[in-house]
């Protein structure tokens, strides 16, 4: 960034520093130590031979909750037949934004997508040496739920939930979204293109006057710089 600023210093009016896209990742870490997953099943009264049916039931519970939430909010729940990434030409976020624009949604739940994606999970497999069943870690594909929301503080965000153990969860927030909500509150106009801020009407105002992004999110992490010309 310093090289860029030096090279274009005559065209740059100032620099805004802040957070860019940030993903929080959470796991049920107590399941990962050797033997822990088997003990979890035992505490739930589930035999190893019945683990598959048990987790199918857990997945069904998560999916039904998502469907019920979407229905009660009057928002769509959609199964996507493919991953829909930026590389494929149309991302899930782009689809969610199109739904929000079409339905006039400016706050709250926009939609919930379900899609089969790769994940690291657990499985019960036979051990030839012991002639018994055991829990193993294994890469597989399982259903993931994407909850797209427009938060009153953070703006566009989404939550990704893996519906099969160990239920990995990701919460995605965007510091630029937050900044674009703060600037008008301190009387600063701006121009935006995608996730870039191209121009602001004044660089003397401090958007932190409206609150701290890190303070609202209750975390610290790597920030980024935006050069404004």
C-alpha atoms as a PDB file:
ATOM      1  CA  UNK A   1       0.000   0.000   0.000  1.00  0.00           C
ATOM      2  CA  UNK A   2       2.857   2.407   0.790  1.00  0.00           C
ATOM      3  CA  UNK A   3       4.275   1.878  -2.707  1.00  0.00           C
ATOM      4  CA  UNK A   4       0.879   2.655  -4.246  1.00  0.00           C
ATOM      5  CA  UNK A   5       0.460   5.798  -2.138  1.00  0.00           C
ATOM      6  CA  UNK A   6       3.931   7.010  -3.071  1.00  0.00           C
ATOM      7  CA  UNK A   7       3.401   6.374  -6.761  1.00  0.00           C
ATOM      8  CA  UNK A   8       0.043   8.187  -6.908  1.00  0.00           C
ATOM      9  CA  UNK A   9       0.556  10.782  -4.159  1.00  0.00           C
ATOM     10  CA  UNK A  10      -0.240  13.702  -6.495  1.00  0.00           C
ATOM     11  CA  UNK A  11      -3.686  12.251  -7.239  1.00  0.00           C
ATOM     12  CA  UNK A  12      -4.592  11.128  -3.717  1.00  0.00           C
ATOM     13  CA  UNK A  13      -6.431  13.524  -1.426  1.00  0.00           C
ATOM     14  CA  UNK A  14      -6.246  11.330   1.639  1.00  0.00           C
ATOM     15  CA  UNK A  15      -6.426   7.834   3.084  1.00  0.00           C
ATOM     16  CA  UNK A  16      -9.225   6.211   5.085  1.00  0.00           C
ATOM     17  CA  UNK A  17      -8.104   3.340   7.287  1.00  0.00           C
ATOM     18  CA  UNK A  18     -10.466   0.647   8.466  1.00  0.00           C
ATOM     19  CA  UNK A  19     -11.498  -2.995   8.304  1.00  0.00           C
ATOM     20  CA  UNK A  20     -12.276  -4.794   5.053  1.00  0.00           C
ATOM     21  CA  UNK A  21     -14.060  -8.145   4.789  1.00  0.00           C
ATOM     22  CA  UNK A  22     -13.752 -10.205   7.966  1.00  0.00           C
ATOM     23  CA  UNK A  23     -14.833 -13.775   8.682  1.00  0.00           C
ATOM     24  CA  UNK A  24     -15.280 -15.189  12.181  1.00  0.00           C
ATOM     25  CA  UNK A  25     -14.994 -18.993  12.297  1.00  0.00           C
ATOM     26  CA  UNK A  26     -16.358 -21.163  15.058  1.00  0.00           C
ATOM     27  CA  UNK A  27     -16.236 -24.888  15.753  1.00  0.00           C
ATOM     28  CA  UNK A  28     -17.313 -27.237  18.509  1.00  0.00           C
ATOM     29  CA  UNK A  29     -13.668 -27.814  19.403  1.00  0.00           C
ATOM     30  CA  UNK A  30     -14.529 -30.273  22.164  1.00  0.00           C
ATOM     31  CA  UNK A  31     -15.329 -32.806  19.427  1.00  0.00           C
ATOM     32  CA  UNK A  32     -11.820 -32.844  17.935  1.00  0.00           C
ATOM     33  CA  UNK A  33      -9.561 -34.591  20.517  1.00  0.00           C
ATOM     34  CA  UNK A  34      -9.143 -38.335  19.951  1.00  0.00           C
ATOM     35  CA  UNK A  35     -12.128 -40.216  21.305  1.00  0.00           C
ATOM     36  CA  UNK A  36     -14.124 -37.055  22.071  1.00  0.00           C
ATOM     37  CA  UNK A  37     -16.632 -37.509  19.265  1.00  0.00           C
ATOM     38  CA  UNK A  38     -17.387 -41.067  20.353  1.00  0.00           C
ATOM     39  CA  UNK A  39     -17.908 -39.857  23.925  1.00  0.00           C
ATOM     40  CA  UNK A  40     -20.263 -37.161  22.625  1.00  0.00           C
ATOM     41  CA  UNK A  41     -22.363 -39.814  20.900  1.00  0.00           C
ATOM     42  CA  UNK A  42     -22.330 -41.926  24.048  1.00  0.00           C
ATOM     43  CA  UNK A  43     -23.596 -39.026  26.165  1.00  0.00           C
ATOM     44  CA  UNK A  44     -26.411 -38.536  23.679  1.00  0.00           C
ATOM     45  CA  UNK A  45     -27.261 -42.234  23.969  1.00  0.00           C
ATOM     46  CA  UNK A  46     -26.315 -42.958  20.357  1.00  0.00           C
ATOM     47  CA  UNK A  47     -24.593 -46.196  19.369  1.00  0.00           C
ATOM     48  CA  UNK A  48     -21.859 -45.913  16.748  1.00  0.00           C
ATOM     49  CA  UNK A  49     -23.892 -48.027  14.323  1.00  0.00           C
ATOM     50  CA  UNK A  50     -26.739 -45.509  14.583  1.00  0.00           C
ATOM     51  CA  UNK A  51     -24.595 -42.356  14.222  1.00  0.00           C
ATOM     52  CA  UNK A  52     -25.569 -41.772  10.587  1.00  0.00           C
ATOM     53  CA  UNK A  53     -29.291 -41.729  11.302  1.00  0.00           C
ATOM     54  CA  UNK A  54     -28.720 -39.544  14.362  1.00  0.00           C
ATOM     55  CA  UNK A  55     -26.863 -36.853  12.405  1.00  0.00           C
ATOM     56  CA  UNK A  56     -29.349 -37.009   9.556  1.00  0.00           C
ATOM     57  CA  UNK A  57     -31.956 -36.137  12.168  1.00  0.00           C
ATOM     58  CA  UNK A  58     -29.789 -33.260  13.479  1.00  0.00           C
ATOM     59  CA  UNK A  59     -29.378 -31.935   9.933  1.00  0.00           C
ATOM     60  CA  UNK A  60     -33.140 -32.103   9.421  1.00  0.00           C
ATOM     61  CA  UNK A  61     -33.664 -30.073  12.610  1.00  0.00           C
ATOM     62  CA  UNK A  62     -31.301 -27.311  11.422  1.00  0.00           C
ATOM     63  CA  UNK A  63     -32.893 -27.215   7.966  1.00  0.00           C
ATOM     64  CA  UNK A  64     -36.446 -27.144   9.332  1.00  0.00           C
ATOM     65  CA  UNK A  65     -35.495 -24.288  11.669  1.00  0.00           C
ATOM     66  CA  UNK A  66     -34.098 -22.330   8.716  1.00  0.00           C
ATOM     67  CA  UNK A  67     -37.193 -22.985   6.621  1.00  0.00           C
ATOM     68  CA  UNK A  68     -39.519 -21.997   9.480  1.00  0.00           C
ATOM     69  CA  UNK A  69     -37.564 -18.794  10.149  1.00  0.00           C
ATOM     70  CA  UNK A  70     -37.668 -17.834   6.474  1.00  0.00           C
ATOM     71  CA  UNK A  71     -41.387 -18.596   6.222  1.00  0.00           C
ATOM     72  CA  UNK A  72     -42.247 -16.603   9.349  1.00  0.00           C
ATOM     73  CA  UNK A  73     -40.236 -13.646   8.027  1.00  0.00           C
ATOM     74  CA  UNK A  74     -41.833 -13.925   4.600  1.00  0.00           C
ATOM     75  CA  UNK A  75     -38.445 -14.497   3.006  1.00  0.00           C
ATOM     76  CA  UNK A  76     -37.347 -17.172   0.525  1.00  0.00           C
ATOM     77  CA  UNK A  77     -35.530 -20.389   1.378  1.00  0.00           C
ATOM     78  CA  UNK A  78     -33.815 -21.664  -1.757  1.00  0.00           C
ATOM     79  CA  UNK A  79     -31.798 -24.780  -2.519  1.00  0.00           C
ATOM     80  CA  UNK A  80     -28.952 -24.043  -4.927  1.00  0.00           C
ATOM     81  CA  UNK A  81     -27.948 -26.856  -7.262  1.00  0.00           C
ATOM     82  CA  UNK A  82     -24.397 -25.510  -7.616  1.00  0.00           C
ATOM     83  CA  UNK A  83     -21.913 -23.579  -5.486  1.00  0.00           C
ATOM     84  CA  UNK A  84     -22.509 -20.136  -7.094  1.00  0.00           C
ATOM     85  CA  UNK A  85     -19.158 -18.482  -6.412  1.00  0.00           C
ATOM     86  CA  UNK A  86     -17.544 -15.380  -7.910  1.00  0.00           C
ATOM     87  CA  UNK A  87     -15.530 -17.701 -10.141  1.00  0.00           C
ATOM     88  CA  UNK A  88     -18.724 -19.233 -11.556  1.00  0.00           C
ATOM     89  CA  UNK A  89     -19.905 -15.813 -12.711  1.00  0.00           C
ATOM     90  CA  UNK A  90     -22.644 -15.182 -10.152  1.00  0.00           C
ATOM     91  CA  UNK A  91     -21.999 -15.369  -6.430  1.00  0.00           C
ATOM     92  CA  UNK A  92     -24.497 -16.165  -3.706  1.00  0.00           C
ATOM     93  CA  UNK A  93     -24.120 -12.622  -2.385  1.00  0.00           C
ATOM     94  CA  UNK A  94     -24.973 -11.199  -5.812  1.00  0.00           C
ATOM     95  CA  UNK A  95     -28.079 -13.390  -5.886  1.00  0.00           C
ATOM     96  CA  UNK A  96     -29.058 -12.269  -2.375  1.00  0.00           C
ATOM     97  CA  UNK A  97     -28.578  -8.608  -3.303  1.00  0.00           C
ATOM     98  CA  UNK A  98     -30.766  -9.082  -6.357  1.00  0.00           C
ATOM     99  CA  UNK A  99     -33.491 -10.588  -4.160  1.00  0.00           C
ATOM    100  CA  UNK A 100     -33.234  -7.680  -1.697  1.00  0.00           C
ATOM    101  CA  UNK A 101     -33.497  -5.132  -4.507  1.00  0.00           C
ATOM    102  CA  UNK A 102     -36.405  -6.948  -6.134  1.00  0.00           C
ATOM    103  CA  UNK A 103     -38.346  -7.237  -2.844  1.00  0.00           C
ATOM    104  CA  UNK A 104     -37.363  -3.834  -1.452  1.00  0.00           C
ATOM    105  CA  UNK A 105     -35.603  -5.253   1.621  1.00  0.00           C
ATOM    106  CA  UNK A 106     -33.465  -2.692   3.450  1.00  0.00           C
ATOM    107  CA  UNK A 107     -33.079  -4.400   6.850  1.00  0.00           C
ATOM    108  CA  UNK A 108     -33.408  -7.836   8.393  1.00  0.00           C
ATOM    109  CA  UNK A 109     -33.379 -11.292   6.825  1.00  0.00           C
ATOM    110  CA  UNK A 110     -33.074 -11.254   3.041  1.00  0.00           C
ATOM    111  CA  UNK A 111     -33.013 -14.965   2.206  1.00  0.00           C
ATOM    112  CA  UNK A 112     -31.574 -18.325   3.174  1.00  0.00           C
ATOM    113  CA  UNK A 113     -29.716 -20.500   0.672  1.00  0.00           C
ATOM    114  CA  UNK A 114     -28.923 -24.182   1.146  1.00  0.00           C
ATOM    115  CA  UNK A 115     -26.159 -25.749  -0.918  1.00  0.00           C
ATOM    116  CA  UNK A 116     -24.032 -28.898  -0.887  1.00  0.00           C
ATOM    117  CA  UNK A 117     -20.375 -28.007  -0.311  1.00  0.00           C
ATOM    118  CA  UNK A 118     -17.184 -29.812   0.783  1.00  0.00           C
ATOM    119  CA  UNK A 119     -16.407 -29.913   4.494  1.00  0.00           C
ATOM    120  CA  UNK A 120     -14.318 -31.701   7.106  1.00  0.00           C
ATOM    121  CA  UNK A 121     -16.541 -33.897   9.201  1.00  0.00           C
ATOM    122  CA  UNK A 122     -16.742 -37.144  11.137  1.00  0.00           C
ATOM    123  CA  UNK A 123     -17.880 -40.572  10.049  1.00  0.00           C
ATOM    124  CA  UNK A 124     -18.219 -44.003  11.616  1.00  0.00           C
ATOM    125  CA  UNK A 125     -16.220 -46.674   9.778  1.00  0.00           C
ATOM    126  CA  UNK A 126     -15.189 -50.258  10.355  1.00  0.00           C
ATOM    127  CA  UNK A 127     -11.668 -51.044  11.618  1.00  0.00           C
ATOM    128  CA  UNK A 128     -10.330 -54.285  10.141  1.00  0.00           C
ATOM    129  CA  UNK A 129      -7.740 -54.711  12.875  1.00  0.00           C
ATOM    130  CA  UNK A 130     -10.111 -54.315  15.797  1.00  0.00           C
ATOM    131  CA  UNK A 131     -13.121 -55.737  13.945  1.00  0.00           C
ATOM    132  CA  UNK A 132     -15.170 -52.897  15.385  1.00  0.00           C
ATOM    133  CA  UNK A 133     -16.560 -49.497  14.543  1.00  0.00           C
ATOM    134  CA  UNK A 134     -14.641 -46.295  15.156  1.00  0.00           C
ATOM    135  CA  UNK A 135     -15.009 -42.564  14.551  1.00  0.00           C
ATOM    136  CA  UNK A 136     -12.801 -41.095  11.818  1.00  0.00           C
ATOM    137  CA  UNK A 137     -12.361 -37.624  10.380  1.00  0.00           C
ATOM    138  CA  UNK A 138     -13.223 -37.458   6.718  1.00  0.00           C
ATOM    139  CA  UNK A 139     -13.691 -34.960   3.928  1.00  0.00           C
ATOM    140  CA  UNK A 140     -17.200 -35.104   2.561  1.00  0.00           C
ATOM    141  CA  UNK A 141     -19.972 -32.962   1.126  1.00  0.00           C
ATOM    142  CA  UNK A 142     -22.829 -31.826   3.288  1.00  0.00           C
ATOM    143  CA  UNK A 143     -25.580 -29.243   3.270  1.00  0.00           C
ATOM    144  CA  UNK A 144     -24.580 -25.700   4.278  1.00  0.00           C
ATOM    145  CA  UNK A 145     -27.019 -22.931   5.140  1.00  0.00           C
ATOM    146  CA  UNK A 146     -26.287 -19.328   4.138  1.00  0.00           C
ATOM    147  CA  UNK A 147     -28.315 -16.737   6.033  1.00  0.00           C
ATOM    148  CA  UNK A 148     -28.114 -13.356   4.261  1.00  0.00           C
ATOM    149  CA  UNK A 149     -29.014 -10.360   6.421  1.00  0.00           C
ATOM    150  CA  UNK A 150     -28.936  -6.581   6.345  1.00  0.00           C
ATOM    151  CA  UNK A 151     -27.938  -5.596   9.861  1.00  0.00           C
ATOM    152  CA  UNK A 152     -28.870  -2.083  11.105  1.00  0.00           C
ATOM    153  CA  UNK A 153     -25.262  -1.522  12.259  1.00  0.00           C
ATOM    154  CA  UNK A 154     -23.031  -3.643  10.012  1.00  0.00           C
ATOM    155  CA  UNK A 155     -25.112  -3.659   6.834  1.00  0.00           C
ATOM    156  CA  UNK A 156     -24.790  -6.632   4.512  1.00  0.00           C
ATOM    157  CA  UNK A 157     -23.568  -9.776   6.240  1.00  0.00           C
ATOM    158  CA  UNK A 158     -24.123 -13.507   6.159  1.00  0.00           C
ATOM    159  CA  UNK A 159     -23.837 -16.542   8.396  1.00  0.00           C
ATOM    160  CA  UNK A 160     -22.736 -19.927   6.994  1.00  0.00           C
ATOM    161  CA  UNK A 161     -23.696 -23.022   9.005  1.00  0.00           C
ATOM    162  CA  UNK A 162     -22.475 -26.538   8.312  1.00  0.00           C
ATOM    163  CA  UNK A 163     -25.396 -28.862   9.042  1.00  0.00           C
ATOM    164  CA  UNK A 164     -23.265 -31.917   9.829  1.00  0.00           C
ATOM    165  CA  UNK A 165     -20.935 -32.348  12.813  1.00  0.00           C
ATOM    166  CA  UNK A 166     -18.798 -30.557  13.926  1.00  0.00           C
ATOM    167  CA  UNK A 167     -21.181 -27.778  12.728  1.00  0.00           C
ATOM    168  CA  UNK A 168     -18.546 -25.280  11.586  1.00  0.00           C
ATOM    169  CA  UNK A 169     -19.985 -21.760  11.529  1.00  0.00           C
ATOM    170  CA  UNK A 170     -18.755 -18.636   9.771  1.00  0.00           C
ATOM    171  CA  UNK A 171     -19.974 -15.085  10.327  1.00  0.00           C
ATOM    172  CA  UNK A 172     -19.068 -12.672   7.538  1.00  0.00           C
ATOM    173  CA  UNK A 173     -19.062  -8.903   8.086  1.00  0.00           C
ATOM    174  CA  UNK A 174     -17.692  -6.102   5.948  1.00  0.00           C
ATOM    175  CA  UNK A 175     -15.969  -3.065   7.441  1.00  0.00           C
ATOM    176  CA  UNK A 176     -16.656  -1.048   4.281  1.00  0.00           C
ATOM    177  CA  UNK A 177     -20.381  -1.701   4.685  1.00  0.00           C
ATOM    178  CA  UNK A 178     -20.171  -0.395   8.243  1.00  0.00           C
ATOM    179  CA  UNK A 179     -18.162   2.657   7.140  1.00  0.00           C
ATOM    180  CA  UNK A 180     -20.690   3.514   4.429  1.00  0.00           C
ATOM    181  CA  UNK A 181     -23.392   3.567   7.112  1.00  0.00           C
ATOM    182  CA  UNK A 182     -21.326   5.785   9.401  1.00  0.00           C
ATOM    183  CA  UNK A 183     -20.202   8.473   6.935  1.00  0.00           C
ATOM    184  CA  UNK A 184     -23.691   9.960   6.358  1.00  0.00           C
ATOM    185  CA  UNK A 185     -24.186  10.198  10.123  1.00  0.00           C
ATOM    186  CA  UNK A 186     -21.280  12.652  10.352  1.00  0.00           C
ATOM    187  CA  UNK A 187     -22.377  14.585   7.266  1.00  0.00           C
ATOM    188  CA  UNK A 188     -19.896  13.098   4.806  1.00  0.00           C
ATOM    189  CA  UNK A 189     -21.067  12.307   1.293  1.00  0.00           C
ATOM    190  CA  UNK A 190     -19.255   9.616  -0.683  1.00  0.00           C
ATOM    191  CA  UNK A 191     -19.205   7.643  -3.909  1.00  0.00           C
ATOM    192  CA  UNK A 192     -18.928   3.871  -3.861  1.00  0.00           C
ATOM    193  CA  UNK A 193     -18.220   1.181  -6.451  1.00  0.00           C
ATOM    194  CA  UNK A 194     -18.734  -2.401  -5.293  1.00  0.00           C
ATOM    195  CA  UNK A 195     -16.565  -2.645  -2.157  1.00  0.00           C
ATOM    196  CA  UNK A 196     -14.484   0.451  -2.921  1.00  0.00           C
ATOM    197  CA  UNK A 197     -14.972   4.039  -1.751  1.00  0.00           C
ATOM    198  CA  UNK A 198     -13.944   6.293  -4.638  1.00  0.00           C
ATOM    199  CA  UNK A 199     -14.597   9.755  -3.223  1.00  0.00           C
ATOM    200  CA  UNK A 200     -15.636  11.460   0.002  1.00  0.00           C
ATOM    201  CA  UNK A 201     -16.791  15.038   0.405  1.00  0.00           C
ATOM    202  CA  UNK A 202     -14.491  15.706   3.369  1.00  0.00           C
ATOM    203  CA  UNK A 203     -11.578  13.991   5.039  1.00  0.00           C
ATOM    204  CA  UNK A 204     -11.647  16.119   8.188  1.00  0.00           C
ATOM    205  CA  UNK A 205     -14.499  14.171   9.785  1.00  0.00           C
ATOM    206  CA  UNK A 206     -13.748  11.111  11.830  1.00  0.00           C
ATOM    207  CA  UNK A 207     -16.347   8.365  11.264  1.00  0.00           C
ATOM    208  CA  UNK A 208     -15.322   6.963  14.628  1.00  0.00           C
ATOM    209  CA  UNK A 209     -17.476   9.741  16.101  1.00  0.00           C
ATOM    210  CA  UNK A 210     -20.407   7.454  15.325  1.00  0.00           C
ATOM    211  CA  UNK A 211     -18.800   4.507  17.087  1.00  0.00           C
ATOM    212  CA  UNK A 212     -16.002   2.029  16.583  1.00  0.00           C
ATOM    213  CA  UNK A 213     -16.369  -0.867  14.172  1.00  0.00           C
ATOM    214  CA  UNK A 214     -14.048  -2.952  16.333  1.00  0.00           C
ATOM    215  CA  UNK A 215     -16.025  -1.916  19.388  1.00  0.00           C
ATOM    216  CA  UNK A 216     -19.318  -2.939  17.816  1.00  0.00           C
ATOM    217  CA  UNK A 217     -17.917  -6.243  16.616  1.00  0.00           C
ATOM    218  CA  UNK A 218     -16.022  -6.877  19.877  1.00  0.00           C
ATOM    219  CA  UNK A 219     -12.833  -7.967  18.143  1.00  0.00           C
ATOM    220  CA  UNK A 220      -9.509  -6.764  16.792  1.00  0.00           C
ATOM    221  CA  UNK A 221      -7.938  -7.778  13.491  1.00  0.00           C
ATOM    222  CA  UNK A 222      -6.104  -6.595  10.450  1.00  0.00           C
ATOM    223  CA  UNK A 223      -7.350  -3.382   8.931  1.00  0.00           C
ATOM    224  CA  UNK A 224      -6.994  -1.979   5.450  1.00  0.00           C
ATOM    225  CA  UNK A 225      -6.456   1.354   3.754  1.00  0.00           C
ATOM    226  CA  UNK A 226      -8.556   3.064   1.125  1.00  0.00           C
ATOM    227  CA  UNK A 227      -6.896   5.706  -0.998  1.00  0.00           C
ATOM    228  CA  UNK A 228      -9.289   8.465  -2.009  1.00  0.00           C
ATOM    229  CA  UNK A 229      -8.530  10.585  -5.031  1.00  0.00           C
END
